[in-house]
Amino acid sequence: MFPATLLRNALRILVPLAVTSTFYLYLYPVFLGCAFPLPQSLDQTEPNVAAAFQDTWRQHVIPSSSKAAPFRLLALGDPQLEGDTSIRNYNRESFLHLTWAFRHLSFQTDQPSLRKRLRQVSHDLVDFWFDDIPDTAESIRKRIDLFGNDFYLAHIYRTLKWWTKPTHVTVLGDLLGSQWIREKEFNRRSWRFWNRSFRGGERVPDDVAAYPAEEYELAGLLGVEDSNATAWRRRIINVAGNHDVGYAGDLTVERLERFERTFGKAAYELRFELPITDPEANATIYDAEKNPDSSRLVPELRIVNVNNMNLDTPAVEQSLQDKTYGFVNDVINTASAVEYLGHFTLVLTHIPLYKPEGVCVDAPYFSFHAGGGVKEQNQLSADASRGFLEGIFGLNGDPNAPGQGRGRRGVVLNGHDHEGCDTYHYINQTEGDERQWRATRWHSARADGLPGKPEVPGLREITVRSMMGGYGGNAGLLSVWFDENDWEWRFEFANCALGRQYFWWFVHLLDLITLAVLAVYGIFQVAAAAGFDSESKSVTTTSDPPVESAQVKASIAVGNGNTKKP
């Protein structure tokens, strides 16, 4: 088979495969039906996935016809950008043993005898083949993998941001892959984060990231399309993780300062108000003079970014831990009273709340440095978790507590457990002195009718599965909307996973191969047009006269039927 024919047949397979796979890769949220859940009634048990997908489609065609929730958060967990620490021969010579072998042979080293010199050369050559070559090959592979991984993560962020149209974006900690890296490597990975993986994103400005206070300025209005809403689509709410600043035993002032300088503050709040356009509904809102008996507040969504890396003890920097405790206390003290309706609290943090073993993949685990300080932990301690449940959200096992112990509306989003987990924390007020906090999977809690059950206060916690390729390139889609009838916020959550990084690599390599084959085939076509036929057979000539093949001399018929010999 000739080259042009071979290339043409190859293209008949490569082109359809490349076009189809590329089309799927760059439109994967469309093919998977990914969409932010739509606002739904309280009696609707499951989100209408088809309706959500259709509404997302309408946002691209007729935005004014959309029924999307006013707050849509794209939640990404644990990208963990790796770097030099994962490359075997980083910052050292690739073929060190070969260099030493050459030095020995050229008498650039001191050896007591020629025999020992040659023996050292043979040892270095063996190490060159069995150490240097494998290490260099693996290092090259890892460098290519790191380069591709940056764009794999970028593909998830960019594609989902384009298709689902979130109003806000968050990365739930472990933006980088190690808290131990030095300043130069930290800056290198930070550059990759902002210029490759999350290109176009911006850190939350320090003047916008507010400290909890009684008197505060709004970070924006929900459901209103203005320049502020456009700015929030670009911003990324970054949460500090253990690989960014370290656990309590590793968290130092220097590590925290460089994180905040590059990615934004590690602890702050944002308050967004939802305007109510119905005059009758507005008339029911609490007013100290006009409507003092109302329990309805202006609808408000409060995002609290909590650095919970040093909530548990012991901590290497006591002053930083005191600041974290002070921040959490101020969040509690500036929250609206639990008896009032209309406010919603969204807590963003990294380490999940405490859960007994068997509820999620990661079981409770703590380890400590020899000199003191938390070295590693899978979850917060039970005591620290109660600070969230009973403090920030005001839940209580005592039915006589304010608001009957039912607390504030809200949800907790975090990362850390790469496998992800969707849980429900609750306490049964009817158990008396035996009551205690329990946790179960969200689907089990719904099957048992726990959410909203009288005398069983509870809170949903969503641990977003990692967006790393090894965990399927997952992303979380959180919708929050306001129910004016009950004057309460409601929310729903969905996942959208691209798939492992191998498919991303396969598609782009396939595209490169297809383009290369297409280019070569084009060269053959141009050559053929210029007079060179790559598919014609060559003709062999000799000096001998041609051999005349046997001929059958046919008789030629003439008019009277007689034959005439030629």
Protein backbone atom coordinates (compact mmCIF):
# COMPACT_ATOMS: atom_id res chain seq x y z
CA MET A 1 0.00 0.00 0.00
CA PHE A 2 1.41 3.38 -1.03
CA PRO A 3 1.94 6.25 1.50
CA ALA A 4 -0.86 8.51 0.29
CA THR A 5 -3.33 5.63 0.27
CA LEU A 6 -2.24 4.56 3.74
CA LEU A 7 -2.61 8.09 5.10
CA ARG A 8 -6.01 8.53 3.46
CA ASN A 9 -7.31 5.32 5.05
CA ALA A 10 -5.88 6.33 8.43
CA LEU A 11 -7.63 9.70 8.23
CA ARG A 12 -10.95 7.96 7.59
CA ILE A 13 -10.61 6.55 11.10
CA LEU A 14 -8.72 9.34 12.87
CA VAL A 15 -10.80 12.34 11.78
CA PRO A 16 -14.24 11.06 12.94
CA LEU A 17 -12.73 9.75 16.19
CA ALA A 18 -10.84 12.99 16.89
CA VAL A 19 -13.80 15.22 16.07
CA THR A 20 -16.22 13.16 18.18
CA SER A 21 -13.94 12.86 21.22
CA THR A 22 -12.92 16.54 21.08
CA PHE A 23 -16.53 17.60 20.75
CA TYR A 24 -17.42 15.54 23.82
CA LEU A 25 -14.45 16.74 25.88
CA TYR A 26 -15.13 20.44 25.31
CA LEU A 27 -18.88 20.05 25.80
CA TYR A 28 -18.84 17.38 28.49
CA PRO A 29 -21.17 19.25 30.89
CA VAL A 30 -23.74 19.41 28.09
CA PHE A 31 -23.49 15.69 27.31
CA LEU A 32 -23.60 14.77 31.02
CA GLY A 33 -26.58 17.04 31.69
CA CYS A 34 -24.73 19.07 34.33
CA ALA A 35 -26.68 22.02 35.69
CA PHE A 36 -27.34 23.91 38.89
CA PRO A 37 -30.47 22.55 40.59
CA LEU A 38 -33.55 24.70 40.08
CA PRO A 39 -35.64 26.14 42.92
CA GLN A 40 -38.21 23.57 43.92
CA SER A 41 -41.12 23.23 46.29
CA LEU A 42 -40.66 21.77 49.74
CA ASP A 43 -42.67 18.65 48.93
CA GLN A 44 -40.48 17.82 45.90
CA THR A 45 -38.09 15.13 47.10
CA GLU A 46 -35.73 14.90 44.10
CA PRO A 47 -34.39 17.70 41.91
CA ASN A 48 -35.68 17.82 38.35
CA VAL A 49 -32.44 17.24 36.44
CA ALA A 50 -34.05 17.55 33.00
CA ALA A 51 -35.71 20.87 33.84
CA ALA A 52 -32.42 22.21 35.27
CA PHE A 53 -30.57 21.27 32.08
CA GLN A 54 -33.22 22.92 29.91
CA ASP A 55 -33.06 26.07 32.00
CA THR A 56 -29.28 26.20 31.63
CA TRP A 57 -29.73 25.94 27.88
CA ARG A 58 -32.19 28.85 28.01
CA GLN A 59 -29.63 30.96 29.87
CA HIS A 60 -27.40 30.72 26.80
CA VAL A 61 -30.22 31.48 24.36
CA ILE A 62 -32.82 33.59 26.19
CA PRO A 63 -31.33 34.67 29.56
CA SER A 64 -34.45 36.56 30.60
CA SER A 65 -36.51 33.34 30.58
CA SER A 66 -34.29 31.56 33.12
CA LYS A 67 -35.68 30.40 36.48
CA ALA A 68 -32.24 29.75 37.98
CA ALA A 69 -31.50 30.26 41.67
CA PRO A 70 -30.17 33.74 42.55
CA PHE A 71 -27.08 32.21 44.18
CA ARG A 72 -25.17 29.51 42.30
CA LEU A 73 -21.81 28.43 43.69
CA LEU A 74 -19.29 26.42 41.67
CA ALA A 75 -17.42 24.50 44.38
CA LEU A 76 -14.03 22.95 43.55
CA GLY A 77 -12.10 20.83 46.00
CA ASP A 78 -8.39 20.16 46.49
CA PRO A 79 -6.66 20.87 43.16
CA GLN A 80 -3.30 20.37 44.93
CA LEU A 81 -0.88 21.73 42.33
CA GLU A 82 2.30 19.70 42.67
CA GLY A 83 5.78 20.85 41.74
CA ASP A 84 9.45 20.20 42.42
CA THR A 85 8.87 17.86 45.35
CA SER A 86 7.26 15.33 43.00
CA ILE A 87 10.12 15.36 40.46
CA ARG A 88 12.85 12.81 41.23
CA ASN A 89 15.87 14.61 39.82
CA TYR A 90 14.75 18.19 40.40
CA ASN A 91 17.65 20.56 41.06
CA ARG A 92 20.32 17.91 40.38
CA GLU A 93 22.15 16.55 37.38
CA SER A 94 20.20 14.01 35.34
CA PHE A 95 23.06 11.61 34.51
CA LEU A 96 25.28 12.08 37.54
CA HIS A 97 26.84 8.61 37.47
CA LEU A 98 27.78 8.96 33.80
CA THR A 99 29.54 12.22 34.62
CA TRP A 100 31.48 10.54 37.41
CA ALA A 101 32.41 7.64 35.15
CA PHE A 102 33.88 10.14 32.66
CA ARG A 103 35.79 11.90 35.44
CA HIS A 104 37.27 8.62 36.62
CA LEU A 105 38.32 7.65 33.10
CA SER A 106 39.86 11.07 32.44
CA PHE A 107 41.79 10.91 35.74
CA GLN A 108 39.96 13.88 37.24
CA THR A 109 39.52 11.99 40.51
CA ASP A 110 41.93 10.51 42.99
CA GLN A 111 42.04 6.70 43.04
CA PRO A 112 44.71 4.54 44.71
CA SER A 113 45.07 2.22 41.73
CA LEU A 114 43.96 1.63 38.16
CA ARG A 115 42.04 -1.45 39.25
CA LYS A 116 39.96 0.52 41.74
CA ARG A 117 39.50 3.30 39.19
CA LEU A 118 38.07 0.86 36.64
CA ARG A 119 35.96 -0.79 39.30
CA GLN A 120 34.46 2.57 40.23
CA VAL A 121 33.80 3.28 36.55
CA SER A 122 31.93 -0.02 36.18
CA HIS A 123 29.86 0.76 39.28
CA ASP A 124 28.95 4.18 37.93
CA LEU A 125 27.98 2.73 34.56
CA VAL A 126 25.71 0.20 36.25
CA ASP A 127 24.10 3.01 38.28
CA PHE A 128 23.76 5.05 35.09
CA TRP A 129 21.70 2.30 33.43
CA PHE A 130 19.64 1.25 36.45
CA ASP A 131 19.31 4.55 38.36
CA ASP A 132 19.97 7.59 36.19
CA ILE A 133 18.06 6.53 33.10
CA PRO A 134 14.87 5.39 34.97
CA ASP A 135 14.97 8.47 37.21
CA THR A 136 15.40 10.82 34.25
CA ALA A 137 12.64 9.12 32.29
CA GLU A 138 10.29 9.33 35.27
CA SER A 139 11.24 12.97 35.87
CA ILE A 140 10.48 13.86 32.25
CA ARG A 141 7.17 12.04 32.49
CA LYS A 142 6.33 13.88 35.71
CA ARG A 143 7.17 17.29 34.24
CA ILE A 144 4.88 16.58 31.30
CA ASP A 145 2.22 15.32 33.72
CA LEU A 146 2.42 18.51 35.82
CA PHE A 147 2.16 20.67 32.70
CA GLY A 148 -0.86 18.73 31.45
CA ASN A 149 -2.48 18.63 34.89
CA ASP A 150 -2.52 22.43 35.04
CA PHE A 151 -4.56 22.54 31.85
CA TYR A 152 -6.72 19.58 32.86
CA LEU A 153 -7.82 21.55 35.94
CA ALA A 154 -8.20 24.65 33.78
CA HIS A 155 -10.47 22.73 31.44
CA ILE A 156 -12.80 21.80 34.31
CA TYR A 157 -12.93 25.35 35.66
CA ARG A 158 -13.29 27.05 32.28
CA THR A 159 -15.84 24.63 30.77
CA LEU A 160 -18.12 24.48 33.81
CA LYS A 161 -17.93 28.23 34.34
CA TRP A 162 -18.97 28.75 30.72
CA TRP A 163 -21.81 26.22 30.66
CA THR A 164 -23.38 26.36 34.13
CA LYS A 165 -23.00 30.15 34.60
CA PRO A 166 -22.28 30.31 38.36
CA THR A 167 -22.68 33.55 40.26
CA HIS A 168 -19.78 32.68 42.58
CA VAL A 169 -16.80 30.29 42.65
CA THR A 170 -14.87 28.75 45.55
CA VAL A 171 -11.85 26.47 45.89
CA LEU A 172 -12.17 24.58 49.17
CA GLY A 173 -8.53 24.41 50.26
CA ASP A 174 -5.34 22.62 49.24
CA LEU A 175 -4.82 24.91 46.31
CA LEU A 176 -1.18 23.82 46.31
CA GLY A 177 0.34 20.42 47.03
CA SER A 178 2.64 21.10 49.99
CA GLN A 179 2.96 23.53 52.88
CA TRP A 180 6.69 22.75 53.16
CA ILE A 181 7.79 24.36 49.90
CA ARG A 182 10.04 27.39 49.96
CA GLU A 183 9.14 30.86 48.78
CA LYS A 184 10.47 30.41 45.23
CA GLU A 185 8.50 27.22 44.62
CA PHE A 186 5.43 28.70 46.31
CA ASN A 187 5.53 31.64 43.90
CA ARG A 188 6.02 29.30 40.94
CA ARG A 189 3.01 27.19 41.84
CA SER A 190 0.93 30.28 42.61
CA TRP A 191 1.74 31.63 39.16
CA ARG A 192 0.57 28.36 37.62
CA PHE A 193 -2.64 28.54 39.69
CA TRP A 194 -3.58 32.01 38.48
CA ASN A 195 -2.17 31.89 34.95
CA ARG A 196 -2.97 28.32 33.92
CA SER A 197 -5.43 26.38 36.05
CA PHE A 198 -7.65 29.32 37.06
CA ARG A 199 -6.75 31.84 34.41
CA GLY A 200 -9.08 34.82 34.44
CA GLY A 201 -9.90 34.36 38.11
CA GLU A 202 -9.21 36.96 40.79
CA ARG A 203 -8.69 36.82 44.54
CA VAL A 204 -11.32 38.44 46.73
CA PRO A 205 -10.10 42.00 47.46
CA ASP A 206 -9.08 42.63 51.05
CA ASP A 207 -11.48 45.55 51.39
CA VAL A 208 -14.38 43.30 50.33
CA ALA A 209 -13.43 40.37 52.58
CA ALA A 210 -14.92 41.78 55.78
CA TYR A 211 -14.41 40.90 59.43
CA PRO A 212 -17.67 40.01 61.26
CA ALA A 213 -19.29 43.11 62.74
CA GLU A 214 -22.67 44.40 63.87
CA GLU A 215 -22.52 47.18 61.29
CA TYR A 216 -21.46 45.93 57.88
CA GLU A 217 -21.54 46.71 54.19
CA LEU A 218 -23.12 44.34 51.71
CA ALA A 219 -20.83 42.49 49.34
CA GLY A 220 -23.54 42.60 46.69
CA LEU A 221 -27.14 41.98 45.72
CA LEU A 222 -28.40 38.62 44.53
CA GLY A 223 -30.51 38.32 41.42
CA VAL A 224 -29.37 41.74 40.17
CA GLU A 225 -27.24 41.97 37.03
CA ASP A 226 -24.81 44.84 37.52
CA SER A 227 -21.07 45.48 37.50
CA ASN A 228 -20.73 44.00 40.99
CA ALA A 229 -22.35 40.74 39.87
CA THR A 230 -19.92 40.63 36.94
CA ALA A 231 -16.99 41.14 39.30
CA TRP A 232 -18.10 38.24 41.51
CA ARG A 233 -18.16 35.92 38.51
CA ARG A 234 -14.43 36.55 38.14
CA ARG A 235 -13.54 36.27 41.81
CA ILE A 236 -12.56 33.03 43.51
CA ILE A 237 -13.24 32.51 47.20
CA ASN A 238 -10.11 30.60 48.25
CA VAL A 239 -10.16 28.53 51.44
CA ALA A 240 -6.92 27.77 53.29
CA GLY A 241 -6.03 24.07 53.45
CA ASN A 242 -3.39 22.02 55.21
CA HIS A 243 -1.20 21.87 52.07
CA ASP A 244 -1.44 25.66 51.82
CA VAL A 245 -0.65 26.78 55.38
CA GLY A 246 -0.25 23.55 57.39
CA TYR A 247 -2.08 21.96 60.29
CA ALA A 248 -2.04 23.54 63.75
CA GLY A 249 1.45 22.14 64.37
CA ASP A 250 2.79 23.63 61.10
CA LEU A 251 0.80 26.86 60.71
CA THR A 252 3.18 29.76 61.14
CA VAL A 253 2.81 33.49 60.58
CA GLU A 254 5.04 33.31 57.49
CA ARG A 255 2.99 30.55 55.83
CA LEU A 256 -0.28 32.33 56.55
CA GLU A 257 1.00 35.68 55.29
CA ARG A 258 2.21 34.35 51.95
CA PHE A 259 -1.11 32.53 51.42
CA GLU A 260 -3.13 35.66 52.16
CA ARG A 261 -0.87 37.81 50.01
CA THR A 262 -1.42 35.55 46.99
CA PHE A 263 -4.87 34.01 47.43
CA GLY A 264 -6.75 36.37 49.72
CA LYS A 265 -7.62 36.48 53.39
CA ALA A 266 -7.99 33.16 55.19
CA ALA A 267 -10.90 34.23 57.42
CA TYR A 268 -13.69 36.65 56.54
CA GLU A 269 -17.39 36.99 55.81
CA LEU A 270 -19.44 38.17 52.84
CA ARG A 271 -23.06 39.27 53.07
CA PHE A 272 -25.39 39.31 50.09
CA GLU A 273 -28.93 40.66 50.16
CA LEU A 274 -31.83 39.46 48.02
CA PRO A 275 -34.17 42.32 47.05
CA ILE A 276 -37.89 41.61 47.49
CA THR A 277 -39.99 43.29 44.82
CA ASP A 278 -43.43 42.36 46.17
CA PRO A 279 -44.80 45.31 48.21
CA GLU A 280 -47.02 43.03 50.30
CA ALA A 281 -44.10 40.82 51.22
CA ASN A 282 -41.95 43.84 52.05
CA ALA A 283 -44.66 45.06 54.40
CA THR A 284 -44.22 41.91 56.54
CA ILE A 285 -40.51 42.50 57.19
CA TYR A 286 -39.38 43.49 60.67
CA ASP A 287 -39.12 47.20 61.33
CA ALA A 288 -38.39 48.61 64.79
CA GLU A 289 -41.02 51.31 64.34
CA LYS A 290 -43.52 50.09 61.74
CA ASN A 291 -43.50 46.32 62.30
CA PRO A 292 -41.75 45.49 65.59
CA ASP A 293 -43.55 42.17 66.15
CA SER A 294 -42.46 40.55 62.88
CA SER A 295 -39.92 37.72 62.89
CA ARG A 296 -39.06 38.27 59.22
CA LEU A 297 -35.75 39.86 58.27
CA VAL A 298 -34.61 41.15 54.90
CA PRO A 299 -33.44 38.01 53.02
CA GLU A 300 -29.69 37.76 53.40
CA LEU A 301 -27.08 35.13 52.55
CA ARG A 302 -23.98 35.15 54.72
CA ILE A 303 -20.81 33.40 53.50
CA VAL A 304 -18.31 32.65 56.25
CA ASN A 305 -14.83 31.58 55.17
CA VAL A 306 -13.29 29.85 58.19
CA ASN A 307 -9.64 28.87 58.49
CA ASN A 308 -10.17 25.79 60.66
CA MET A 309 -6.61 24.50 60.30
CA ASN A 310 -5.75 25.51 63.88
CA LEU A 311 -9.03 25.02 65.70
CA ASP A 312 -7.70 21.88 67.40
CA THR A 313 -4.80 21.82 69.83
CA PRO A 314 -1.90 21.95 70.37
CA ALA A 315 -0.87 24.71 67.96
CA VAL A 316 2.66 25.87 67.19
CA GLU A 317 1.55 29.52 67.04
CA GLN A 318 -0.79 30.25 69.95
CA SER A 319 -1.43 33.81 68.75
CA LEU A 320 -2.79 32.56 65.43
CA GLN A 321 -5.04 30.07 67.18
CA ASP A 322 -6.36 32.82 69.45
CA LYS A 323 -7.22 34.88 66.35
CA THR A 324 -9.12 31.92 64.88
CA TYR A 325 -11.08 31.45 68.12
CA GLY A 326 -11.80 35.18 68.21
CA PHE A 327 -13.01 35.12 64.61
CA VAL A 328 -15.42 32.22 65.24
CA ASN A 329 -16.76 33.93 68.38
CA ASP A 330 -17.33 37.15 66.47
CA VAL A 331 -19.17 35.22 63.74
CA ILE A 332 -21.47 33.86 66.44
CA ASN A 333 -21.94 37.19 68.21
CA THR A 334 -22.82 39.10 65.02
CA ALA A 335 -25.33 36.55 63.70
CA SER A 336 -29.05 37.26 63.79
CA ALA A 337 -31.07 35.73 66.60
CA VAL A 338 -32.22 32.16 65.89
CA GLU A 339 -35.85 33.20 66.38
CA TYR A 340 -35.78 35.34 63.24
CA LEU A 341 -36.32 34.13 59.70
CA GLY A 342 -34.74 35.16 56.42
CA HIS A 343 -31.00 34.70 56.97
CA PHE A 344 -28.89 31.85 55.57
CA THR A 345 -25.33 30.93 56.60
CA LEU A 346 -22.96 29.21 54.20
CA VAL A 347 -19.75 28.09 55.90
CA LEU A 348 -16.75 27.38 53.66
CA THR A 349 -13.86 25.56 55.30
CA HIS A 350 -11.37 22.77 54.63
CA ILE A 351 -11.31 20.06 57.30
CA PRO A 352 -14.67 18.24 57.65
CA LEU A 353 -16.64 18.07 60.87
CA TYR A 354 -16.35 15.08 63.16
CA LYS A 355 -18.12 11.87 62.11
CA PRO A 356 -17.77 8.35 63.53
CA GLU A 357 -15.87 5.78 61.54
CA GLY A 358 -17.88 4.26 58.70
CA VAL A 359 -19.94 7.32 57.78
CA CYS A 360 -17.42 8.62 55.21
CA VAL A 361 -14.25 7.21 53.67
CA ASP A 362 -11.92 9.08 56.02
CA ALA A 363 -12.27 7.93 59.62
CA PRO A 364 -11.34 10.18 62.58
CA TYR A 365 -7.54 10.37 62.81
CA PHE A 366 -5.02 12.55 64.63
CA SER A 367 -1.23 12.48 64.77
CA PHE A 368 1.10 14.88 66.58
CA HIS A 369 4.64 16.15 66.22
CA ALA A 370 7.13 14.82 68.74
CA GLY A 371 7.64 18.32 70.11
CA GLY A 372 3.89 19.07 70.21
CA GLY A 373 1.43 20.37 67.67
CA VAL A 374 -1.08 18.70 65.38
CA LYS A 375 0.79 16.99 62.55
CA GLU A 376 -2.15 15.50 60.67
CA GLN A 377 -5.91 15.11 61.06
CA ASN A 378 -8.73 13.77 58.90
CA GLN A 379 -11.55 15.57 60.71
CA LEU A 380 -12.09 18.19 63.34
CA SER A 381 -12.44 16.98 66.88
CA ALA A 382 -15.95 16.48 68.28
CA ASP A 383 -15.55 19.58 70.47
CA ALA A 384 -14.46 21.80 67.56
CA SER A 385 -17.34 20.46 65.46
CA ARG A 386 -19.85 21.41 68.14
CA GLY A 387 -18.52 24.96 67.85
CA PHE A 388 -19.90 25.01 64.30
CA LEU A 389 -23.16 23.19 65.00
CA GLU A 390 -24.12 24.84 68.28
CA GLY A 391 -22.24 28.12 67.91
CA ILE A 392 -22.34 29.37 64.33
CA PHE A 393 -25.64 27.65 63.48
CA GLY A 394 -27.26 27.83 66.93
CA LEU A 395 -28.50 24.21 66.97
CA ASN A 396 -29.26 22.78 70.38
CA GLY A 397 -30.37 19.50 71.91
CA ASP A 398 -32.49 21.37 74.46
CA PRO A 399 -36.04 22.02 73.18
CA ASN A 400 -36.27 24.96 75.59
CA ALA A 401 -33.32 26.73 73.98
CA PRO A 402 -33.97 29.86 71.86
CA GLY A 403 -35.83 28.99 68.70
CA GLN A 404 -36.59 25.55 70.21
CA GLY A 405 -33.01 24.59 69.40
CA ARG A 406 -33.66 24.44 65.67
CA GLY A 407 -30.94 26.97 64.92
CA ARG A 408 -30.25 28.95 61.76
CA ARG A 409 -30.71 27.85 58.18
CA GLY A 410 -27.47 26.98 56.45
CA VAL A 411 -25.00 24.43 55.13
CA VAL A 412 -21.31 23.60 55.48
CA LEU A 413 -19.10 23.03 52.43
CA ASN A 414 -15.57 21.68 52.78
CA GLY A 415 -12.91 19.50 51.13
CA HIS A 416 -9.92 17.51 52.49
CA ASP A 417 -11.55 14.07 52.14
CA HIS A 418 -10.77 13.54 48.47
CA GLU A 419 -13.47 10.92 48.05
CA GLY A 420 -16.18 13.37 49.06
CA CYS A 421 -19.11 12.82 51.41
CA ASP A 422 -22.65 14.16 51.90
CA THR A 423 -23.73 13.93 55.54
CA TYR A 424 -26.40 15.09 57.95
CA HIS A 425 -25.60 16.00 61.57
CA TYR A 426 -28.52 15.84 63.98
CA ILE A 427 -29.44 15.55 67.63
CA ASN A 428 -32.63 14.00 69.00
CA GLN A 429 -34.13 16.26 71.66
CA THR A 430 -36.43 13.51 72.92
CA GLU A 431 -33.53 11.40 74.25
CA GLY A 432 -33.11 13.59 77.32
CA ASP A 433 -29.77 13.27 79.07
CA GLU A 434 -28.69 10.61 76.57
CA ARG A 435 -28.95 12.92 73.59
CA GLN A 436 -25.80 13.40 71.54
CA TRP A 437 -24.75 14.54 68.10
CA ARG A 438 -24.98 11.88 65.42
CA ALA A 439 -24.10 11.81 61.74
CA THR A 440 -25.42 9.78 58.82
CA ARG A 441 -25.28 9.91 55.05
CA TRP A 442 -27.61 12.47 53.51
CA HIS A 443 -29.54 9.93 51.44
CA SER A 444 -30.14 7.83 54.58
CA ALA A 445 -31.28 10.90 56.51
CA ARG A 446 -33.79 11.75 53.77
CA ALA A 447 -35.03 8.17 53.63
CA ASP A 448 -35.60 8.28 57.41
CA GLY A 449 -37.33 11.66 57.22
CA LEU A 450 -34.82 13.37 59.53
CA PRO A 451 -34.48 16.78 57.79
CA GLY A 452 -37.24 19.04 59.10
CA LYS A 453 -38.44 16.48 61.63
CA PRO A 454 -39.79 18.09 64.84
CA GLU A 455 -37.48 17.85 67.87
CA VAL A 456 -34.58 16.67 65.69
CA PRO A 457 -32.46 19.73 64.76
CA GLY A 458 -29.90 19.04 62.09
CA LEU A 459 -27.48 20.44 59.53
CA ARG A 460 -26.25 19.19 56.19
CA GLU A 461 -22.50 19.05 55.53
CA ILE A 462 -21.20 18.54 51.99
CA THR A 463 -17.60 17.46 51.51
CA VAL A 464 -16.91 18.12 47.84
CA ARG A 465 -15.02 15.36 46.04
CA SER A 466 -11.60 16.44 44.75
CA MET A 467 -11.19 17.87 41.27
CA MET A 468 -7.90 16.00 40.82
CA GLY A 469 -7.74 13.58 37.91
CA GLY A 470 -7.39 10.58 40.21
CA TYR A 471 -10.83 11.37 41.63
CA GLY A 472 -12.60 11.97 38.36
CA GLY A 473 -12.24 15.73 37.95
CA ASN A 474 -15.30 16.46 40.08
CA ALA A 475 -17.01 19.77 40.73
CA GLY A 476 -19.90 20.71 43.01
CA LEU A 477 -22.90 22.82 42.00
CA LEU A 478 -24.74 24.48 44.90
CA SER A 479 -28.00 26.36 44.31
CA VAL A 480 -29.53 28.54 47.04
CA TRP A 481 -32.90 30.27 46.65
CA PHE A 482 -35.48 32.01 48.80
CA ASP A 483 -38.99 30.75 49.51
CA GLU A 484 -41.16 33.83 50.12
CA ASN A 485 -44.10 31.76 51.32
CA ASP A 486 -42.21 30.28 54.28
CA TRP A 487 -39.69 33.13 54.39
CA GLU A 488 -36.83 30.61 54.41
CA TRP A 489 -33.82 29.89 52.26
CA ARG A 490 -33.54 26.49 50.61
CA PHE A 491 -30.71 24.83 48.73
CA GLU A 492 -29.77 21.79 46.68
CA PHE A 493 -26.48 20.32 45.52
CA ALA A 494 -25.29 18.35 42.49
CA ASN A 495 -22.00 16.94 41.22
CA CYS A 496 -20.47 17.05 37.76
CA ALA A 497 -17.37 14.96 36.94
CA LEU A 498 -15.30 15.14 33.77
CA GLY A 499 -13.59 11.79 34.32
CA ARG A 500 -10.00 10.78 34.92
CA GLN A 501 -7.18 12.74 33.34
CA TYR A 502 -6.32 9.91 30.94
CA PHE A 503 -9.23 10.81 28.70
CA TRP A 504 -8.08 14.45 28.56
CA TRP A 505 -4.60 13.27 27.52
CA PHE A 506 -6.02 10.78 25.01
CA VAL A 507 -8.13 13.39 23.22
CA HIS A 508 -5.34 15.93 22.88
CA LEU A 509 -2.77 13.36 21.76
CA LEU A 510 -5.29 12.00 19.27
CA ASP A 511 -5.86 15.52 17.94
CA LEU A 512 -2.11 16.09 17.54
CA ILE A 513 -1.67 12.79 15.70
CA THR A 514 -4.63 13.55 13.44
CA LEU A 515 -3.28 17.00 12.59
CA ALA A 516 0.17 15.55 11.87
CA VAL A 517 -1.23 12.86 9.57
CA LEU A 518 -3.44 15.45 7.89
CA ALA A 519 -0.43 17.70 7.29
CA VAL A 520 1.64 14.89 5.77
CA TYR A 521 -1.27 13.82 3.60
CA GLY A 522 -1.64 17.43 2.46
CA ILE A 523 2.01 17.47 1.43
CA PHE A 524 1.46 14.36 -0.70
CA GLN A 525 -1.58 15.97 -2.31
CA VAL A 526 0.35 19.14 -3.12
CA ALA A 527 3.18 17.04 -4.56
CA ALA A 528 0.71 15.11 -6.70
CA ALA A 529 -0.78 18.36 -8.00
CA ALA A 530 2.74 19.44 -8.91
CA GLY A 531 3.21 16.38 -11.11
CA PHE A 532 4.63 13.82 -8.71
CA ASP A 533 2.27 10.86 -8.47
CA SER A 534 3.13 8.98 -5.29
CA GLU A 535 0.71 6.20 -6.12
CA SER A 536 1.94 5.33 -9.68
CA LYS A 537 4.06 2.25 -10.33
CA SER A 538 7.57 2.69 -11.68
CA VAL A 539 8.25 1.35 -15.24
CA THR A 540 11.36 -0.81 -15.81
CA THR A 541 13.16 -0.41 -19.19
CA THR A 542 15.86 -2.67 -20.72
CA SER A 543 18.01 -2.64 -23.84
CA ASP A 544 16.44 -5.81 -25.19
CA PRO A 545 13.69 -5.44 -27.76
CA PRO A 546 10.21 -6.03 -26.49
CA VAL A 547 8.96 -9.56 -26.73
CA GLU A 548 5.85 -9.71 -28.82
CA SER A 549 3.20 -11.78 -27.22
CA ALA A 550 1.46 -14.51 -29.11
CA GLN A 551 -1.15 -13.10 -31.37
CA VAL A 552 -4.20 -14.80 -32.70
CA LYS A 553 -4.58 -13.69 -36.27
CA ALA A 554 -8.22 -13.45 -36.84
CA SER A 555 -9.69 -13.95 -40.26
CA ILE A 556 -11.23 -10.93 -41.79
CA ALA A 557 -14.62 -11.60 -43.27
CA VAL A 558 -15.37 -10.14 -46.67
CA GLY A 559 -18.60 -9.56 -48.39
CA ASN A 560 -19.19 -12.94 -50.16
CA GLY A 561 -18.34 -14.99 -47.06
CA ASN A 562 -14.84 -15.90 -48.26
CA THR A 563 -11.96 -15.25 -45.96
CA LYS A 564 -8.88 -13.25 -46.74
CA LYS A 565 -5.58 -13.95 -45.10
CA PRO A 566 -3.76 -10.87 -43.96
